[in-house]
Amino acid sequence: MKQRHYAARTGDIPEGGRKLVQIKGMEIGLFRVGGELYAWRNVCPHAAAPVCRGPVCGTKLPSMVYEYKYGMEGQILRCPWHGWEFDLKSGEHLVDPAVRLRGFDIEVEGEDVYVMLSSGEKRSG
């Protein structure tokens, strides 16, 4: 069973912005991308770095030889330790989509933002 935990006010997270919150001993990053809110655990799956503290940016896109295309501005979270890049909308690693950030459902009621956690969920590893 999931329980909701108050995390923030909607105004605390501007478009392209983030807010780090503590819930049940876990640090969770709240992000607003394209008007939608996303919640990701602040642990990189690669080396347990504080991934949600990394830059929100864009990335290089597939392109022809000698071309350089940049895109997805404001939609990429880059790990501050080793530069791994994750899509903030899906949590997927850009190179290996099987690697992903641990995400949580969000509910918004009025101006209040809640993160949904399983009743037995707590900090681990």
C-alpha atoms as a PDB file:
ATOM      1  CA  MET A   1       0.000   0.000   0.000  1.00  0.00           C
ATOM      2  CA  LYS A   2       1.323   3.437  -0.881  1.00  0.00           C
ATOM      3  CA  GLN A   3       1.276   6.366   1.483  1.00  0.00           C
ATOM      4  CA  ARG A   4       1.561   9.949   0.459  1.00  0.00           C
ATOM      5  CA  HIS A   5       4.071  12.254   2.054  1.00  0.00           C
ATOM      6  CA  TYR A   6       4.031  16.022   1.801  1.00  0.00           C
ATOM      7  CA  ALA A   7       7.059  17.205  -0.186  1.00  0.00           C
ATOM      8  CA  ALA A   8       6.648  20.830  -1.302  1.00  0.00           C
ATOM      9  CA  ARG A   9       4.403  23.528  -2.714  1.00  0.00           C
ATOM     10  CA  THR A  10       4.024  23.645  -6.492  1.00  0.00           C
ATOM     11  CA  GLY A  11       5.509  27.171  -6.508  1.00  0.00           C
ATOM     12  CA  ASP A  12       8.709  25.827  -4.921  1.00  0.00           C
ATOM     13  CA  ILE A  13       9.587  24.045  -8.185  1.00  0.00           C
ATOM     14  CA  PRO A  14       9.708  26.420 -11.167  1.00  0.00           C
ATOM     15  CA  GLU A  15       9.897  25.191 -14.749  1.00  0.00           C
ATOM     16  CA  GLY A  16      13.364  23.749 -15.247  1.00  0.00           C
ATOM     17  CA  GLY A  17      13.972  23.869 -11.523  1.00  0.00           C
ATOM     18  CA  ARG A  18      14.444  21.369  -8.737  1.00  0.00           C
ATOM     19  CA  LYS A  19      13.874  20.977  -5.036  1.00  0.00           C
ATOM     20  CA  LEU A  20      15.570  18.384  -2.841  1.00  0.00           C
ATOM     21  CA  VAL A  21      13.466  17.007   0.015  1.00  0.00           C
ATOM     22  CA  GLN A  22      13.923  14.436   2.781  1.00  0.00           C
ATOM     23  CA  ILE A  23      11.171  11.838   3.155  1.00  0.00           C
ATOM     24  CA  LYS A  24      11.512   8.837   5.469  1.00  0.00           C
ATOM     25  CA  GLY A  25      15.295   9.209   5.539  1.00  0.00           C
ATOM     26  CA  MET A  26      15.628   9.401   1.734  1.00  0.00           C
ATOM     27  CA  GLU A  27      16.687  12.426  -0.257  1.00  0.00           C
ATOM     28  CA  ILE A  28      14.404  12.859  -3.244  1.00  0.00           C
ATOM     29  CA  GLY A  29      14.771  15.351  -6.075  1.00  0.00           C
ATOM     30  CA  LEU A  30      11.621  16.999  -7.401  1.00  0.00           C
ATOM     31  CA  PHE A  31      11.910  18.398 -10.923  1.00  0.00           C
ATOM     32  CA  ARG A  32       9.535  20.309 -13.220  1.00  0.00           C
ATOM     33  CA  VAL A  33      10.027  19.499 -16.906  1.00  0.00           C
ATOM     34  CA  GLY A  34       7.541  20.588 -19.570  1.00  0.00           C
ATOM     35  CA  GLY A  35       5.051  21.585 -16.876  1.00  0.00           C
ATOM     36  CA  GLU A  36       5.076  18.101 -15.280  1.00  0.00           C
ATOM     37  CA  LEU A  37       6.564  17.149 -11.920  1.00  0.00           C
ATOM     38  CA  TYR A  38       8.911  14.196 -11.474  1.00  0.00           C
ATOM     39  CA  ALA A  39      10.409  12.667  -8.306  1.00  0.00           C
ATOM     40  CA  TRP A  40      13.715  10.754  -8.375  1.00  0.00           C
ATOM     41  CA  ARG A  41      15.733   9.258  -5.537  1.00  0.00           C
ATOM     42  CA  ASN A  42      18.990  11.143  -5.128  1.00  0.00           C
ATOM     43  CA  VAL A  43      21.172   8.075  -5.753  1.00  0.00           C
ATOM     44  CA  CYS A  44      22.898   7.406  -9.068  1.00  0.00           C
ATOM     45  CA  PRO A  45      22.593   3.714 -10.038  1.00  0.00           C
ATOM     46  CA  HIS A  46      26.235   3.762 -11.186  1.00  0.00           C
ATOM     47  CA  ALA A  47      28.154   4.681  -8.019  1.00  0.00           C
ATOM     48  CA  ALA A  48      25.523   6.001  -5.569  1.00  0.00           C
ATOM     49  CA  ALA A  49      26.432   9.638  -6.258  1.00  0.00           C
ATOM     50  CA  PRO A  50      23.965  12.417  -5.317  1.00  0.00           C
ATOM     51  CA  VAL A  51      22.642  12.493  -8.898  1.00  0.00           C
ATOM     52  CA  CYS A  52      19.870  15.030  -8.220  1.00  0.00           C
ATOM     53  CA  ARG A  53      22.511  17.635  -7.371  1.00  0.00           C
ATOM     54  CA  GLY A  54      23.953  17.435 -10.896  1.00  0.00           C
ATOM     55  CA  PRO A  55      23.266  19.937 -13.664  1.00  0.00           C
ATOM     56  CA  VAL A  56      19.983  19.957 -15.550  1.00  0.00           C
ATOM     57  CA  CYS A  57      20.985  20.467 -19.166  1.00  0.00           C
ATOM     58  CA  GLY A  58      20.672  19.105 -22.689  1.00  0.00           C
ATOM     59  CA  THR A  59      22.808  16.590 -24.523  1.00  0.00           C
ATOM     60  CA  LYS A  60      24.387  15.693 -27.840  1.00  0.00           C
ATOM     61  CA  LEU A  61      21.903  14.104 -30.216  1.00  0.00           C
ATOM     62  CA  PRO A  62      22.609  11.469 -32.868  1.00  0.00           C
ATOM     63  CA  SER A  63      23.926  13.198 -35.971  1.00  0.00           C
ATOM     64  CA  MET A  64      25.898  12.667 -39.142  1.00  0.00           C
ATOM     65  CA  VAL A  65      29.696  12.637 -39.201  1.00  0.00           C
ATOM     66  CA  TYR A  66      31.123  16.133 -38.649  1.00  0.00           C
ATOM     67  CA  GLU A  67      27.740  17.401 -37.444  1.00  0.00           C
ATOM     68  CA  TYR A  68      27.004  18.422 -33.896  1.00  0.00           C
ATOM     69  CA  LYS A  69      23.389  18.484 -32.746  1.00  0.00           C
ATOM     70  CA  TYR A  70      22.397  19.515 -29.250  1.00  0.00           C
ATOM     71  CA  GLY A  71      18.917  19.053 -27.831  1.00  0.00           C
ATOM     72  CA  MET A  72      16.656  18.001 -24.980  1.00  0.00           C
ATOM     73  CA  GLU A  73      17.621  21.204 -23.137  1.00  0.00           C
ATOM     74  CA  GLY A  74      16.279  21.179 -19.580  1.00  0.00           C
ATOM     75  CA  GLN A  75      15.340  17.502 -19.807  1.00  0.00           C
ATOM     76  CA  ILE A  76      18.667  15.832 -18.950  1.00  0.00           C
ATOM     77  CA  LEU A  77      20.087  15.267 -15.467  1.00  0.00           C
ATOM     78  CA  ARG A  78      23.871  14.773 -15.516  1.00  0.00           C
ATOM     79  CA  CYS A  79      25.431  12.979 -12.564  1.00  0.00           C
ATOM     80  CA  PRO A  80      27.977  15.273 -10.878  1.00  0.00           C
ATOM     81  CA  TRP A  81      30.510  12.495 -10.248  1.00  0.00           C
ATOM     82  CA  HIS A  82      30.938  10.667 -13.571  1.00  0.00           C
ATOM     83  CA  GLY A  83      28.715  12.510 -16.054  1.00  0.00           C
ATOM     84  CA  TRP A  84      26.132   9.788 -16.602  1.00  0.00           C
ATOM     85  CA  GLU A  85      23.071  11.353 -18.267  1.00  0.00           C
ATOM     86  CA  PHE A  86      19.453  10.528 -17.453  1.00  0.00           C
ATOM     87  CA  ASP A  87      16.200  11.624 -19.078  1.00  0.00           C
ATOM     88  CA  LEU A  88      14.277  13.458 -16.357  1.00  0.00           C
ATOM     89  CA  LYS A  89      10.932  12.394 -17.847  1.00  0.00           C
ATOM     90  CA  SER A  90      11.595   8.647 -17.882  1.00  0.00           C
ATOM     91  CA  GLY A  91      14.576   8.243 -15.548  1.00  0.00           C
ATOM     92  CA  GLU A  92      16.359   6.220 -18.242  1.00  0.00           C
ATOM     93  CA  HIS A  93      20.111   6.385 -18.791  1.00  0.00           C
ATOM     94  CA  LEU A  94      20.697   7.792 -22.279  1.00  0.00           C
ATOM     95  CA  VAL A  95      23.115   5.044 -23.343  1.00  0.00           C
ATOM     96  CA  ASP A  96      21.531   2.028 -21.609  1.00  0.00           C
ATOM     97  CA  PRO A  97      17.780   2.478 -20.991  1.00  0.00           C
ATOM     98  CA  ALA A  98      17.797  -0.641 -18.780  1.00  0.00           C
ATOM     99  CA  VAL A  99      19.663   1.497 -16.216  1.00  0.00           C
ATOM    100  CA  ARG A 100      17.331   3.994 -14.643  1.00  0.00           C
ATOM    101  CA  LEU A 101      16.821   6.299 -11.723  1.00  0.00           C
ATOM    102  CA  ARG A 102      14.495   5.161  -8.955  1.00  0.00           C
ATOM    103  CA  GLY A 103      11.317   7.172  -9.336  1.00  0.00           C
ATOM    104  CA  PHE A 104       8.243   7.844  -7.256  1.00  0.00           C
ATOM    105  CA  ASP A 105       4.687   8.764  -8.148  1.00  0.00           C
ATOM    106  CA  ILE A 106       3.573  12.301  -7.356  1.00  0.00           C
ATOM    107  CA  GLU A 107       0.153  13.622  -6.428  1.00  0.00           C
ATOM    108  CA  VAL A 108      -0.743  17.300  -6.502  1.00  0.00           C
ATOM    109  CA  GLU A 109      -3.619  18.579  -4.396  1.00  0.00           C
ATOM    110  CA  GLY A 110      -4.183  22.284  -4.776  1.00  0.00           C
ATOM    111  CA  GLU A 111      -0.712  23.777  -4.291  1.00  0.00           C
ATOM    112  CA  ASP A 112       0.607  20.831  -2.265  1.00  0.00           C
ATOM    113  CA  VAL A 113       2.935  18.212  -3.804  1.00  0.00           C
ATOM    114  CA  TYR A 114       2.971  14.711  -2.311  1.00  0.00           C
ATOM    115  CA  VAL A 115       5.376  11.854  -3.027  1.00  0.00           C
ATOM    116  CA  MET A 116       3.927   8.353  -2.899  1.00  0.00           C
ATOM    117  CA  LEU A 117       5.984   5.725  -1.052  1.00  0.00           C
ATOM    118  CA  SER A 118       5.234   2.112  -0.226  1.00  0.00           C
ATOM    119  CA  SER A 119       4.269   1.749   3.427  1.00  0.00           C
ATOM    120  CA  GLY A 120       7.401  -0.290   4.234  1.00  0.00           C
ATOM    121  CA  GLU A 121       9.760   1.827   2.152  1.00  0.00           C
ATOM    122  CA  LYS A 122      12.698   3.379   3.909  1.00  0.00           C
ATOM    123  CA  ARG A 123      16.249   4.313   3.234  1.00  0.00           C
ATOM    124  CA  SER A 124      18.409   1.429   2.083  1.00  0.00           C
ATOM    125  CA  GLY A 125      21.871   1.197   0.541  1.00  0.00           C
END
